Amino acid sequence: MAAIGPEGVMERYGSLINEHRFEVLLPLIAPDAVFWFNDGSHAGITAIAQAFESVWAVLRDESYWLEDLHWLARDDRAAACIYRFCWTATINGRAASGSGRGTTVLQCRAQAWQIVHEHLSAAPG
């Protein structure tokens, strides 16, 4: 059995993402993961890292967190959750904030839970 479960991975992810250093997220994300954001699809660690770094370059001092996490499925090998994500940041010297909806799928591989898919989208208007 893996050292931390999918709940622990999501908790760490929500905390470590605020360090704005992709390397600290690496153990939590599968090498073949696919992330879908409003700006497009990002497959594999290199593409996902570039997407994160692009966001961090624009959203200065970003603080990111998850709310209302709800597990849709969970067994010993796979889990999926939905949530609301929120952020605050500085953009071009001005305070900004936003939120949206997220879905994350995790898989237990070689005794470690990792994110294999994340889909973030704007909240419905």
Protein backbone atom coordinates (compact mmCIF):
# COMPACT_ATOMS: atom_id res chain seq x y z
CA MET A 1 0.00 0.00 0.00
CA ALA A 2 1.23 3.49 -0.85
CA ALA A 3 2.65 5.72 1.89
CA ILE A 4 0.10 8.51 1.34
CA GLY A 5 -3.25 8.11 -0.31
CA PRO A 6 -4.87 10.27 -2.96
CA GLU A 7 -6.27 12.60 -0.29
CA GLY A 8 -2.74 13.23 0.96
CA VAL A 9 -1.49 13.84 -2.58
CA MET A 10 -4.18 16.46 -3.17
CA GLU A 11 -3.43 18.12 0.15
CA ARG A 12 0.31 18.29 -0.66
CA TYR A 13 -0.39 19.46 -4.20
CA GLY A 14 -2.58 22.31 -2.94
CA SER A 15 0.17 23.38 -0.55
CA LEU A 16 3.30 22.85 -2.66
CA ILE A 17 1.89 24.59 -5.73
CA ASN A 18 2.23 27.88 -3.84
CA GLU A 19 6.01 27.50 -3.74
CA HIS A 20 6.00 28.26 -7.50
CA ARG A 21 8.75 25.69 -8.08
CA PHE A 22 7.64 22.91 -10.38
CA GLU A 23 10.34 20.52 -9.15
CA VAL A 24 8.57 20.18 -5.76
CA LEU A 25 5.44 18.97 -7.60
CA LEU A 26 7.28 16.32 -9.64
CA PRO A 27 6.75 13.42 -7.20
CA LEU A 28 3.00 14.09 -7.27
CA ILE A 29 2.56 14.10 -11.06
CA ALA A 30 2.91 11.04 -13.31
CA PRO A 31 5.44 11.42 -16.14
CA ASP A 32 2.70 10.71 -18.71
CA ALA A 33 0.05 12.94 -17.11
CA VAL A 34 -2.23 15.11 -19.23
CA PHE A 35 -3.43 18.48 -17.91
CA TRP A 36 -6.23 20.43 -19.60
CA PHE A 37 -6.37 24.16 -18.93
CA ASN A 38 -8.29 26.97 -20.63
CA ASP A 39 -5.21 27.67 -22.78
CA GLY A 40 -4.94 24.11 -24.09
CA SER A 41 -3.82 20.54 -23.41
CA HIS A 42 -0.44 19.76 -21.87
CA ALA A 43 0.81 16.17 -22.12
CA GLY A 44 3.87 14.99 -20.23
CA ILE A 45 6.01 16.59 -17.54
CA THR A 46 7.85 19.01 -19.83
CA ALA A 47 4.65 20.49 -21.29
CA ILE A 48 2.95 20.61 -17.89
CA ALA A 49 5.97 22.34 -16.33
CA GLN A 50 5.98 24.94 -19.11
CA ALA A 51 2.27 25.60 -18.57
CA PHE A 52 2.76 26.13 -14.82
CA GLU A 53 5.79 28.36 -15.32
CA SER A 54 3.91 30.48 -17.87
CA VAL A 55 1.10 31.05 -15.39
CA TRP A 56 3.50 31.86 -12.56
CA ALA A 57 5.26 34.42 -14.78
CA VAL A 58 1.98 36.31 -15.27
CA LEU A 59 0.34 35.74 -11.87
CA ARG A 60 2.91 37.29 -9.52
CA ASP A 61 2.61 36.38 -5.84
CA GLU A 62 -0.12 33.90 -6.70
CA SER A 63 -1.84 32.05 -3.88
CA TYR A 64 -3.83 28.99 -5.01
CA TRP A 65 -6.11 26.73 -3.02
CA LEU A 66 -8.80 24.07 -3.38
CA GLU A 67 -12.26 24.14 -1.82
CA ASP A 68 -15.19 21.72 -1.62
CA LEU A 69 -13.16 18.67 -2.61
CA HIS A 70 -15.53 15.76 -3.38
CA TRP A 71 -14.31 12.24 -4.19
CA LEU A 72 -16.30 10.69 -7.05
CA ALA A 73 -14.43 7.38 -7.08
CA ARG A 74 -11.82 5.77 -4.88
CA ASP A 75 -10.31 2.30 -4.69
CA ASP A 76 -6.82 0.85 -4.19
CA ARG A 77 -5.60 1.75 -7.69
CA ALA A 78 -7.45 4.86 -8.88
CA ALA A 79 -9.32 7.86 -7.53
CA ALA A 80 -11.07 10.91 -8.98
CA CYS A 81 -12.16 14.12 -7.32
CA ILE A 82 -13.84 17.38 -8.24
CA TYR A 83 -13.36 20.71 -6.50
CA ARG A 84 -13.45 24.45 -6.75
CA PHE A 85 -10.07 26.14 -7.21
CA CYS A 86 -9.41 29.72 -6.14
CA TRP A 87 -6.50 32.09 -6.62
CA THR A 88 -5.30 35.58 -5.81
CA ALA A 89 -2.35 37.25 -7.50
CA THR A 90 -0.86 40.45 -8.82
CA ILE A 91 -1.16 41.02 -12.57
CA ASN A 92 0.61 44.03 -14.07
CA GLY A 93 0.83 45.57 -10.61
CA ARG A 94 -2.87 45.16 -9.82
CA ALA A 95 -4.58 42.76 -7.41
CA ALA A 96 -6.56 40.03 -9.14
CA SER A 97 -8.47 36.92 -8.14
CA GLY A 98 -10.49 34.16 -9.68
CA SER A 99 -11.94 30.71 -9.32
CA GLY A 100 -13.11 27.79 -11.38
CA ARG A 101 -13.86 24.09 -11.41
CA GLY A 102 -11.35 21.27 -11.31
CA THR A 103 -11.23 17.53 -11.80
CA THR A 104 -8.23 15.42 -10.85
CA VAL A 105 -7.66 11.72 -11.54
CA LEU A 106 -5.00 9.88 -9.55
CA GLN A 107 -3.52 6.43 -9.99
CA CYS A 108 -1.46 4.27 -7.65
CA ARG A 109 1.68 3.17 -9.52
CA ALA A 110 4.58 1.31 -7.92
CA GLN A 111 3.17 1.98 -4.45
CA ALA A 112 2.88 5.75 -4.99
CA TRP A 113 -0.20 7.82 -5.79
CA GLN A 114 0.26 10.33 -8.60
CA ILE A 115 -1.89 12.74 -10.57
CA VAL A 116 -2.48 11.37 -14.08
CA HIS A 117 -5.00 13.98 -15.23
CA GLU A 118 -6.12 17.44 -14.20
CA HIS A 119 -8.81 19.48 -15.90
CA LEU A 120 -9.32 23.08 -14.80
CA SER A 121 -11.93 25.34 -16.33
CA ALA A 122 -13.57 28.67 -15.64
CA ALA A 123 -16.65 28.65 -13.46
CA PRO A 124 -19.88 28.79 -15.45
CA GLY A 125 -21.07 32.32 -16.10
